[in-house]
PDB file of N, CA and C in Angstrom:
ATOM      1  N   MET A   1       7.623   2.478  -4.124  1.00  0.00           N
ATOM      2  CA  MET A   1       6.797   1.522  -4.836  1.00  0.00           C
ATOM      3  C   MET A   1       6.817   0.190  -4.074  1.00  0.00           C
ATOM      4  N   MET A   2       5.656  -0.316  -3.762  1.00  0.00           N
ATOM      5  CA  MET A   2       5.543  -1.584  -3.048  1.00  0.00           C
ATOM      6  C   MET A   2       5.804  -2.737  -4.014  1.00  0.00           C
ATOM      7  N   ARG A   3       6.664  -3.658  -3.588  1.00  0.00           N
ATOM      8  CA  ARG A   3       6.914  -4.859  -4.374  1.00  0.00           C
ATOM      9  C   ARG A   3       6.475  -6.113  -3.644  1.00  0.00           C
ATOM     10  N   PHE A   4       6.403  -6.035  -2.309  1.00  0.00           N
ATOM     11  CA  PHE A   4       6.071  -7.215  -1.517  1.00  0.00           C
ATOM     12  C   PHE A   4       5.002  -6.872  -0.488  1.00  0.00           C
ATOM     13  N   LEU A   5       3.919  -7.621  -0.493  1.00  0.00           N
ATOM     14  CA  LEU A   5       2.886  -7.493   0.531  1.00  0.00           C
ATOM     15  C   LEU A   5       3.096  -8.648   1.504  1.00  0.00           C
ATOM     16  N   LEU A   6       3.462  -8.305   2.724  1.00  0.00           N
ATOM     17  CA  LEU A   6       3.794  -9.330   3.713  1.00  0.00           C
ATOM     18  C   LEU A   6       2.556  -9.839   4.432  1.00  0.00           C
ATOM     19  N   ASP A   7       2.585 -11.106   4.754  1.00  0.00           N
ATOM     20  CA  ASP A   7       1.520 -11.714   5.527  1.00  0.00           C
ATOM     21  C   ASP A   7       1.828 -11.538   7.014  1.00  0.00           C
ATOM     22  N   THR A   8       0.811 -11.684   7.820  1.00  0.00           N
ATOM     23  CA  THR A   8       0.947 -11.501   9.265  1.00  0.00           C
ATOM     24  C   THR A   8       2.038 -12.387   9.852  1.00  0.00           C
ATOM     25  N   ASN A   9       2.136 -13.623   9.397  1.00  0.00           N
ATOM     26  CA  ASN A   9       3.120 -14.535   9.997  1.00  0.00           C
ATOM     27  C   ASN A   9       4.555 -14.072   9.787  1.00  0.00           C
ATOM     28  N   VAL A  10       4.845 -13.386   8.689  1.00  0.00           N
ATOM     29  CA  VAL A  10       6.195 -12.869   8.456  1.00  0.00           C
ATOM     30  C   VAL A  10       6.475 -11.704   9.395  1.00  0.00           C
ATOM     31  N   VAL A  11       5.542 -10.773   9.456  1.00  0.00           N
ATOM     32  CA  VAL A  11       5.740  -9.585  10.284  1.00  0.00           C
ATOM     33  C   VAL A  11       5.711  -9.945  11.764  1.00  0.00           C
ATOM     34  N   SER A  12       4.920 -10.931  12.132  1.00  0.00           N
ATOM     35  CA  SER A  12       4.853 -11.300  13.547  1.00  0.00           C
ATOM     36  C   SER A  12       6.177 -11.868  14.048  1.00  0.00           C
ATOM     37  N   GLU A  13       7.022 -12.308  13.144  1.00  0.00           N
ATOM     38  CA  GLU A  13       8.360 -12.765  13.541  1.00  0.00           C
ATOM     39  C   GLU A  13       9.122 -11.635  14.235  1.00  0.00           C
ATOM     40  N   LEU A  14       8.884 -10.396  13.811  1.00  0.00           N
ATOM     41  CA  LEU A  14       9.547  -9.243  14.428  1.00  0.00           C
ATOM     42  C   LEU A  14       9.114  -9.047  15.871  1.00  0.00           C
ATOM     43  N   ALA A  15       7.969  -9.577  16.224  1.00  0.00           N
ATOM     44  CA  ALA A  15       7.421  -9.389  17.568  1.00  0.00           C
ATOM     45  C   ALA A  15       7.878 -10.466  18.542  1.00  0.00           C
ATOM     46  N   ARG A  16       8.619 -11.434  18.053  1.00  0.00           N
ATOM     47  CA  ARG A  16       9.123 -12.480  18.950  1.00  0.00           C
ATOM     48  C   ARG A  16      10.203 -11.888  19.854  1.00  0.00           C
ATOM     49  N   PRO A  17      10.344 -12.399  21.062  1.00  0.00           N
ATOM     50  CA  PRO A  17      11.410 -11.889  21.944  1.00  0.00           C
ATOM     51  C   PRO A  17      12.793 -11.954  21.293  1.00  0.00           C
ATOM     52  N   VAL A  18      13.034 -13.005  20.502  1.00  0.00           N
ATOM     53  CA  VAL A  18      14.285 -13.112  19.745  1.00  0.00           C
ATOM     54  C   VAL A  18      13.907 -13.445  18.296  1.00  0.00           C
ATOM     55  N   PRO A  19      13.721 -12.404  17.463  1.00  0.00           N
ATOM     56  CA  PRO A  19      13.303 -12.653  16.083  1.00  0.00           C
ATOM     57  C   PRO A  19      14.388 -13.378  15.285  1.00  0.00           C
ATOM     58  N   ASN A  20      13.951 -14.109  14.283  1.00  0.00           N
ATOM     59  CA  ASN A  20      14.877 -14.772  13.379  1.00  0.00           C
ATOM     60  C   ASN A  20      15.720 -13.697  12.690  1.00  0.00           C
ATOM     61  N   PRO A  21      17.048 -13.757  12.809  1.00  0.00           N
ATOM     62  CA  PRO A  21      17.884 -12.704  12.237  1.00  0.00           C
ATOM     63  C   PRO A  21      17.788 -12.611  10.715  1.00  0.00           C
ATOM     64  N   LEU A  22      17.504 -13.717  10.033  1.00  0.00           N
ATOM     65  CA  LEU A  22      17.363 -13.668   8.576  1.00  0.00           C
ATOM     66  C   LEU A  22      16.096 -12.929   8.163  1.00  0.00           C
ATOM     67  N   VAL A  23      15.017 -13.136   8.909  1.00  0.00           N
ATOM     68  CA  VAL A  23      13.774 -12.409   8.623  1.00  0.00           C
ATOM     69  C   VAL A  23      14.014 -10.919   8.823  1.00  0.00           C
ATOM     70  N   ARG A  24      14.600 -10.560   9.952  1.00  0.00           N
ATOM     71  CA  ARG A  24      14.870  -9.145  10.241  1.00  0.00           C
ATOM     72  C   ARG A  24      15.796  -8.542   9.184  1.00  0.00           C
ATOM     73  N   ALA A  25      16.833  -9.264   8.780  1.00  0.00           N
ATOM     74  CA  ALA A  25      17.767  -8.756   7.775  1.00  0.00           C
ATOM     75  C   ALA A  25      17.070  -8.511   6.443  1.00  0.00           C
ATOM     76  N   ASN A  26      16.194  -9.429   6.029  1.00  0.00           N
ATOM     77  CA  ASN A  26      15.480  -9.240   4.764  1.00  0.00           C
ATOM     78  C   ASN A  26      14.461  -8.117   4.850  1.00  0.00           C
ATOM     79  N   ILE A  27      13.826  -7.968   5.980  1.00  0.00           N
ATOM     80  CA  ILE A  27      12.893  -6.852   6.135  1.00  0.00           C
ATOM     81  C   ILE A  27      13.659  -5.538   6.084  1.00  0.00           C
ATOM     82  N   ASP A  28      14.810  -5.475   6.739  1.00  0.00           N
ATOM     83  CA  ASP A  28      15.645  -4.273   6.663  1.00  0.00           C
ATOM     84  C   ASP A  28      16.124  -4.033   5.232  1.00  0.00           C
ATOM     85  N   ARG A  29      16.504  -5.099   4.561  1.00  0.00           N
ATOM     86  CA  ARG A  29      17.034  -4.991   3.194  1.00  0.00           C
ATOM     87  C   ARG A  29      15.999  -4.451   2.210  1.00  0.00           C
ATOM     88  N   PHE A  30      14.768  -4.895   2.339  1.00  0.00           N
ATOM     89  CA  PHE A  30      13.724  -4.508   1.391  1.00  0.00           C
ATOM     90  C   PHE A  30      12.730  -3.499   1.967  1.00  0.00           C
ATOM     91  N   ALA A  31      13.107  -2.825   3.032  1.00  0.00           N
ATOM     92  CA  ALA A  31      12.180  -1.958   3.773  1.00  0.00           C
ATOM     93  C   ALA A  31      11.372  -1.022   2.877  1.00  0.00           C
ATOM     94  N   GLY A  32      11.979  -0.421   1.900  1.00  0.00           N
ATOM     95  CA  GLY A  32      11.261   0.508   1.032  1.00  0.00           C
ATOM     96  C   GLY A  32      10.293  -0.154   0.081  1.00  0.00           C
ATOM     97  N   ASP A  33      10.385  -1.460  -0.048  1.00  0.00           N
ATOM     98  CA  ASP A  33       9.548  -2.201  -0.993  1.00  0.00           C
ATOM     99  C   ASP A  33       8.466  -3.030  -0.320  1.00  0.00           C
ATOM    100  N   LEU A  34       8.336  -2.905   0.996  1.00  0.00           N
ATOM    101  CA  LEU A  34       7.415  -3.757   1.749  1.00  0.00           C
ATOM    102  C   LEU A  34       6.148  -3.016   2.147  1.00  0.00           C
ATOM    103  N   ALA A  35       5.074  -3.769   2.227  1.00  0.00           N
ATOM    104  CA  ALA A  35       3.814  -3.220   2.725  1.00  0.00           C
ATOM    105  C   ALA A  35       3.114  -4.296   3.547  1.00  0.00           C
ATOM    106  N   LEU A  36       2.218  -3.825   4.372  1.00  0.00           N
ATOM    107  CA  LEU A  36       1.419  -4.703   5.220  1.00  0.00           C
ATOM    108  C   LEU A  36      -0.031  -4.276   5.088  1.00  0.00           C
ATOM    109  N   ALA A  37      -0.921  -5.228   4.946  1.00  0.00           N
ATOM    110  CA  ALA A  37      -2.346  -4.904   4.886  1.00  0.00           C
ATOM    111  C   ALA A  37      -2.820  -4.464   6.265  1.00  0.00           C
ATOM    112  N   SER A  38      -3.725  -3.519   6.291  1.00  0.00           N
ATOM    113  CA  SER A  38      -4.244  -3.035   7.572  1.00  0.00           C
ATOM    114  C   SER A  38      -4.893  -4.166   8.369  1.00  0.00           C
ATOM    115  N   VAL A  39      -5.409  -5.174   7.692  1.00  0.00           N
ATOM    116  CA  VAL A  39      -5.996  -6.324   8.384  1.00  0.00           C
ATOM    117  C   VAL A  39      -4.922  -7.056   9.189  1.00  0.00           C
ATOM    118  N   SER A  40      -3.734  -7.181   8.638  1.00  0.00           N
ATOM    119  CA  SER A  40      -2.640  -7.829   9.369  1.00  0.00           C
ATOM    120  C   SER A  40      -2.221  -6.996  10.567  1.00  0.00           C
ATOM    121  N   LEU A  41      -2.186  -5.686  10.394  1.00  0.00           N
ATOM    122  CA  LEU A  41      -1.879  -4.810  11.528  1.00  0.00           C
ATOM    123  C   LEU A  41      -2.930  -4.993  12.619  1.00  0.00           C
ATOM    124  N   HIS A  42      -4.185  -5.071  12.217  1.00  0.00           N
ATOM    125  CA  HIS A  42      -5.272  -5.301  13.170  1.00  0.00           C
ATOM    126  C   HIS A  42      -5.059  -6.615  13.921  1.00  0.00           C
ATOM    127  N   GLU A  43      -4.754  -7.682  13.206  1.00  0.00           N
ATOM    128  CA  GLU A  43      -4.559  -8.989  13.848  1.00  0.00           C
ATOM    129  C   GLU A  43      -3.464  -8.931  14.901  1.00  0.00           C
ATOM    130  N   MET A  44      -2.359  -8.290  14.556  1.00  0.00           N
ATOM    131  CA  MET A  44      -1.237  -8.212  15.496  1.00  0.00           C
ATOM    132  C   MET A  44      -1.569  -7.328  16.694  1.00  0.00           C
ATOM    133  N   LEU A  45      -2.191  -6.191  16.437  1.00  0.00           N
ATOM    134  CA  LEU A  45      -2.530  -5.276  17.527  1.00  0.00           C
ATOM    135  C   LEU A  45      -3.572  -5.892  18.452  1.00  0.00           C
ATOM    136  N   TYR A  46      -4.560  -6.535  17.879  1.00  0.00           N
ATOM    137  CA  TYR A  46      -5.585  -7.199  18.681  1.00  0.00           C
ATOM    138  C   TYR A  46      -4.953  -8.241  19.599  1.00  0.00           C
ATOM    139  N   GLY A  47      -4.082  -9.051  19.030  1.00  0.00           N
ATOM    140  CA  GLY A  47      -3.402 -10.060  19.836  1.00  0.00           C
ATOM    141  C   GLY A  47      -2.552  -9.446  20.933  1.00  0.00           C
ATOM    142  N   ALA A  48      -1.860  -8.365  20.619  1.00  0.00           N
ATOM    143  CA  ALA A  48      -1.004  -7.700  21.611  1.00  0.00           C
ATOM    144  C   ALA A  48      -1.825  -7.108  22.747  1.00  0.00           C
ATOM    145  N   LEU A  49      -2.944  -6.508  22.412  1.00  0.00           N
ATOM    146  CA  LEU A  49      -3.782  -5.875  23.437  1.00  0.00           C
ATOM    147  C   LEU A  49      -4.402  -6.895  24.385  1.00  0.00           C
ATOM    148  N   ARG A  50      -4.534  -8.116  23.944  1.00  0.00           N
ATOM    149  CA  ARG A  50      -5.121  -9.162  24.790  1.00  0.00           C
ATOM    150  C   ARG A  50      -4.101  -9.813  25.718  1.00  0.00           C
ATOM    151  N   LEU A  51      -2.830  -9.576  25.467  1.00  0.00           N
ATOM    152  CA  LEU A  51      -1.785 -10.174  26.305  1.00  0.00           C
ATOM    153  C   LEU A  51      -1.692  -9.465  27.649  1.00  0.00           C
ATOM    154  N   PRO A  52      -1.402 -10.205  28.702  1.00  0.00           N
ATOM    155  CA  PRO A  52      -1.137  -9.549  29.985  1.00  0.00           C
ATOM    156  C   PRO A  52       0.206  -8.817  29.902  1.00  0.00           C
ATOM    157  N   GLU A  53       0.393  -7.837  30.769  1.00  0.00           N
ATOM    158  CA  GLU A  53       1.673  -7.128  30.802  1.00  0.00           C
ATOM    159  C   GLU A  53       2.784  -8.152  31.014  1.00  0.00           C
ATOM    160  N   SER A  54       3.744  -8.162  30.086  1.00  0.00           N
ATOM    161  CA  SER A  54       4.808  -9.162  30.138  1.00  0.00           C
ATOM    162  C   SER A  54       5.902  -8.775  29.154  1.00  0.00           C
ATOM    163  N   ARG A  55       6.980  -9.539  29.202  1.00  0.00           N
ATOM    164  CA  ARG A  55       8.069  -9.341  28.245  1.00  0.00           C
ATOM    165  C   ARG A  55       7.560  -9.588  26.821  1.00  0.00           C
ATOM    166  N   LYS A  56       6.736 -10.613  26.665  1.00  0.00           N
ATOM    167  CA  LYS A  56       6.187 -10.936  25.347  1.00  0.00           C
ATOM    168  C   LYS A  56       5.347  -9.778  24.811  1.00  0.00           C
ATOM    169  N   ARG A  57       4.493  -9.206  25.650  1.00  0.00           N
ATOM    170  CA  ARG A  57       3.654  -8.089  25.204  1.00  0.00           C
ATOM    171  C   ARG A  57       4.523  -6.910  24.772  1.00  0.00           C
ATOM    172  N   ARG A  58       5.551  -6.606  25.546  1.00  0.00           N
ATOM    173  CA  ARG A  58       6.442  -5.502  25.184  1.00  0.00           C
ATOM    174  C   ARG A  58       7.153  -5.785  23.861  1.00  0.00           C
ATOM    175  N   ALA A  59       7.542  -7.043  23.649  1.00  0.00           N
ATOM    176  CA  ALA A  59       8.198  -7.417  22.393  1.00  0.00           C
ATOM    177  C   ALA A  59       7.244  -7.266  21.214  1.00  0.00           C
ATOM    178  N   VAL A  60       6.001  -7.664  21.403  1.00  0.00           N
ATOM    179  CA  VAL A  60       5.008  -7.534  20.328  1.00  0.00           C
ATOM    180  C   VAL A  60       4.803  -6.064  19.978  1.00  0.00           C
ATOM    181  N   PHE A  61       4.661  -5.218  20.978  1.00  0.00           N
ATOM    182  CA  PHE A  61       4.477  -3.793  20.700  1.00  0.00           C
ATOM    183  C   PHE A  61       5.717  -3.176  20.064  1.00  0.00           C
ATOM    184  N   ALA A  62       6.898  -3.619  20.465  1.00  0.00           N
ATOM    185  CA  ALA A  62       8.128  -3.131  19.825  1.00  0.00           C
ATOM    186  C   ALA A  62       8.149  -3.543  18.353  1.00  0.00           C
ATOM    187  N   GLY A  63       7.735  -4.777  18.067  1.00  0.00           N
ATOM    188  CA  GLY A  63       7.650  -5.233  16.685  1.00  0.00           C
ATOM    189  C   GLY A  63       6.632  -4.446  15.883  1.00  0.00           C
ATOM    190  N   LEU A  64       5.512  -4.127  16.499  1.00  0.00           N
ATOM    191  CA  LEU A  64       4.494  -3.310  15.829  1.00  0.00           C
ATOM    192  C   LEU A  64       5.019  -1.912  15.544  1.00  0.00           C
ATOM    193  N   ASP A  65       5.715  -1.332  16.498  1.00  0.00           N
ATOM    194  CA  ASP A  65       6.291   0.002  16.291  1.00  0.00           C
ATOM    195  C   ASP A  65       7.278  -0.016  15.129  1.00  0.00           C
ATOM    196  N   TYR A  66       8.123  -1.040  15.097  1.00  0.00           N
ATOM    197  CA  TYR A  66       9.099  -1.171  14.013  1.00  0.00           C
ATOM    198  C   TYR A  66       8.383  -1.339  12.672  1.00  0.00           C
ATOM    199  N   THR A  67       7.379  -2.184  12.652  1.00  0.00           N
ATOM    200  CA  THR A  67       6.622  -2.429  11.426  1.00  0.00           C
ATOM    201  C   THR A  67       5.990  -1.147  10.910  1.00  0.00           C
ATOM    202  N   ARG A  68       5.349  -0.421  11.780  1.00  0.00           N
ATOM    203  CA  ARG A  68       4.667   0.812  11.367  1.00  0.00           C
ATOM    204  C   ARG A  68       5.657   1.869  10.902  1.00  0.00           C
ATOM    205  N   ALA A  69       6.861   1.856  11.445  1.00  0.00           N
ATOM    206  CA  ALA A  69       7.868   2.847  11.062  1.00  0.00           C
ATOM    207  C   ALA A  69       8.550   2.505   9.739  1.00  0.00           C
ATOM    208  N   THR A  70       8.575   1.229   9.376  1.00  0.00           N
ATOM    209  CA  THR A  70       9.348   0.823   8.200  1.00  0.00           C
ATOM    210  C   THR A  70       8.511   0.362   7.011  1.00  0.00           C
ATOM    211  N   MET A  71       7.219   0.169   7.196  1.00  0.00           N
ATOM    212  CA  MET A  71       6.397  -0.359   6.110  1.00  0.00           C
ATOM    213  C   MET A  71       5.176   0.509   5.856  1.00  0.00           C
ATOM    214  N   GLN A  72       4.782   0.503   4.602  1.00  0.00           N
ATOM    215  CA  GLN A  72       3.525   1.131   4.233  1.00  0.00           C
ATOM    216  C   GLN A  72       2.396   0.219   4.712  1.00  0.00           C
ATOM    217  N   ILE A  73       1.376   0.800   5.338  1.00  0.00           N
ATOM    218  CA  ILE A  73       0.203   0.036   5.766  1.00  0.00           C
ATOM    219  C   ILE A  73      -0.899   0.308   4.744  1.00  0.00           C
ATOM    220  N   LEU A  74      -1.330  -0.732   4.065  1.00  0.00           N
ATOM    221  CA  LEU A  74      -2.335  -0.576   3.012  1.00  0.00           C
ATOM    222  C   LEU A  74      -3.741  -0.669   3.581  1.00  0.00           C
ATOM    223  N   PRO A  75      -4.638   0.184   3.101  1.00  0.00           N
ATOM    224  CA  PRO A  75      -6.014   0.137   3.596  1.00  0.00           C
ATOM    225  C   PRO A  75      -6.740  -1.107   3.083  1.00  0.00           C
ATOM    226  N   TYR A  76      -7.716  -1.501   3.832  1.00  0.00           N
ATOM    227  CA  TYR A  76      -8.567  -2.629   3.455  1.00  0.00           C
ATOM    228  C   TYR A  76      -9.951  -2.040   3.246  1.00  0.00           C
ATOM    229  N   ASP A  77     -10.235  -1.680   2.016  1.00  0.00           N
ATOM    230  CA  ASP A  77     -11.483  -0.988   1.720  1.00  0.00           C
ATOM    231  C   ASP A  77     -12.523  -1.944   1.129  1.00  0.00           C
ATOM    232  N   GLU A  78     -13.616  -1.377   0.680  1.00  0.00           N
ATOM    233  CA  GLU A  78     -14.707  -2.192   0.148  1.00  0.00           C
ATOM    234  C   GLU A  78     -14.261  -3.031  -1.043  1.00  0.00           C
ATOM    235  N   GLY A  79     -13.528  -2.420  -1.950  1.00  0.00           N
ATOM    236  CA  GLY A  79     -13.050  -3.154  -3.118  1.00  0.00           C
ATOM    237  C   GLY A  79     -12.150  -4.314  -2.739  1.00  0.00           C
ATOM    238  N   ALA A  80     -11.287  -4.074  -1.775  1.00  0.00           N
ATOM    239  CA  ALA A  80     -10.393  -5.138  -1.310  1.00  0.00           C
ATOM    240  C   ALA A  80     -11.191  -6.264  -0.664  1.00  0.00           C
ATOM    241  N   ALA A  81     -12.207  -5.917   0.100  1.00  0.00           N
ATOM    242  CA  ALA A  81     -13.028  -6.931   0.764  1.00  0.00           C
ATOM    243  C   ALA A  81     -13.771  -7.797  -0.258  1.00  0.00           C
ATOM    244  N   ILE A  82     -14.305  -7.171  -1.291  1.00  0.00           N
ATOM    245  CA  ILE A  82     -15.024  -7.916  -2.330  1.00  0.00           C
ATOM    246  C   ILE A  82     -14.069  -8.842  -3.070  1.00  0.00           C
ATOM    247  N   TRP A  83     -12.921  -8.315  -3.465  1.00  0.00           N
ATOM    248  CA  TRP A  83     -11.926  -9.134  -4.153  1.00  0.00           C
ATOM    249  C   TRP A  83     -11.493 -10.296  -3.269  1.00  0.00           C
ATOM    250  N   HIS A  84     -11.216 -10.025  -2.020  1.00  0.00           N
ATOM    251  CA  HIS A  84     -10.751 -11.047  -1.082  1.00  0.00           C
ATOM    252  C   HIS A  84     -11.787 -12.162  -0.938  1.00  0.00           C
ATOM    253  N   ALA A  85     -13.043 -11.790  -0.775  1.00  0.00           N
ATOM    254  CA  ALA A  85     -14.108 -12.787  -0.627  1.00  0.00           C
ATOM    255  C   ALA A  85     -14.218 -13.662  -1.874  1.00  0.00           C
ATOM    256  N   ARG A  86     -14.149 -13.035  -3.037  1.00  0.00           N
ATOM    257  CA  ARG A  86     -14.231 -13.814  -4.284  1.00  0.00           C
ATOM    258  C   ARG A  86     -13.048 -14.768  -4.411  1.00  0.00           C
ATOM    259  N   GLU A  87     -11.861 -14.290  -4.091  1.00  0.00           N
ATOM    260  CA  GLU A  87     -10.677 -15.142  -4.179  1.00  0.00           C
ATOM    261  C   GLU A  87     -10.770 -16.315  -3.214  1.00  0.00           C
ATOM    262  N   ARG A  88     -11.176 -16.047  -1.990  1.00  0.00           N
ATOM    263  CA  ARG A  88     -11.294 -17.125  -0.995  1.00  0.00           C
ATOM    264  C   ARG A  88     -12.337 -18.149  -1.415  1.00  0.00           C
ATOM    265  N   SER A  89     -13.442 -17.686  -2.008  1.00  0.00           N
ATOM    266  CA  SER A  89     -14.506 -18.613  -2.394  1.00  0.00           C
ATOM    267  C   SER A  89     -14.102 -19.480  -3.581  1.00  0.00           C
ATOM    268  N   GLN A  90     -13.118 -19.036  -4.323  1.00  0.00           N
ATOM    269  CA  GLN A  90     -12.704 -19.757  -5.525  1.00  0.00           C
ATOM    270  C   GLN A  90     -11.416 -20.558  -5.337  1.00  0.00           C
ATOM    271  N   GLN A  91     -10.964 -20.701  -4.125  1.00  0.00           N
ATOM    272  CA  GLN A  91      -9.729 -21.463  -3.905  1.00  0.00           C
ATOM    273  C   GLN A  91      -9.877 -22.847  -4.510  1.00  0.00           C
ATOM    274  N   GLY A  92      -8.847 -23.238  -5.220  1.00  0.00           N
ATOM    275  CA  GLY A  92      -8.881 -24.538  -5.867  1.00  0.00           C
ATOM    276  C   GLY A  92      -9.373 -24.478  -7.300  1.00  0.00           C
ATOM    277  N   GLN A  93      -9.919 -23.345  -7.714  1.00  0.00           N
ATOM    278  CA  GLN A  93     -10.351 -23.181  -9.093  1.00  0.00           C
ATOM    279  C   GLN A  93      -9.319 -22.338  -9.830  1.00  0.00           C
ATOM    280  N   SER A  94      -9.373 -22.380 -11.135  1.00  0.00           N
ATOM    281  CA  SER A  94      -8.399 -21.613 -11.909  1.00  0.00           C
ATOM    282  C   SER A  94      -8.645 -20.116 -11.741  1.00  0.00           C
ATOM    283  N   TRP A  95      -7.603 -19.362 -11.979  1.00  0.00           N
ATOM    284  CA  TRP A  95      -7.675 -17.901 -11.857  1.00  0.00           C
ATOM    285  C   TRP A  95      -8.770 -17.336 -12.757  1.00  0.00           C
ATOM    286  N   PHE A  96      -8.892 -17.829 -13.985  1.00  0.00           N
ATOM    287  CA  PHE A  96      -9.852 -17.270 -14.919  1.00  0.00           C
ATOM    288  C   PHE A  96     -11.291 -17.518 -14.483  1.00  0.00           C
ATOM    289  N   ASN A  97     -11.547 -18.615 -13.813  1.00  0.00           N
ATOM    290  CA  ASN A  97     -12.893 -18.885 -13.316  1.00  0.00           C
ATOM    291  C   ASN A  97     -13.250 -18.003 -12.135  1.00  0.00           C
ATOM    292  N   ALA A  98     -12.244 -17.474 -11.456  1.00  0.00           N
ATOM    293  CA  ALA A  98     -12.496 -16.659 -10.269  1.00  0.00           C
ATOM    294  C   ALA A  98     -12.914 -15.245 -10.624  1.00  0.00           C
ATOM    295  N   CYS A  99     -12.654 -14.821 -11.846  1.00  0.00           N
ATOM    296  CA  CYS A  99     -12.941 -13.419 -12.210  1.00  0.00           C
ATOM    297  C   CYS A  99     -14.379 -13.201 -12.600  1.00  0.00           C
TER     298      CYS A  99
END
C-alpha cells in the first residue's frame, strides 16, 4: 500500500554522486510505502540521457535503477492529467473551489 508519493527532487537525491545519507536511510526505511509518478521517472531519465558519459551520468542511472527496484511507479493517465491541470490552475484558491 502506497503511503508516500515522492517528488522528483527527493528521488533525484539518490542520483547524486554522494547522496544525503538521511534521504537514503528514509527511502530504505519506507521502501514498501513509497511511489513515484511516471512523470517524475520521465524527468529523471530525460535528464540522464542528455548528460555526456561521465561519473555524474553513471550516478544518475544507478539512482534510477535503485528507484525502479524499490518503488512503485504510478501511471500518469488521462484522469491524472485532468486532475493535475485543474489543481495547478486553482493554486491559491481553496480546495473546495478547485473541485
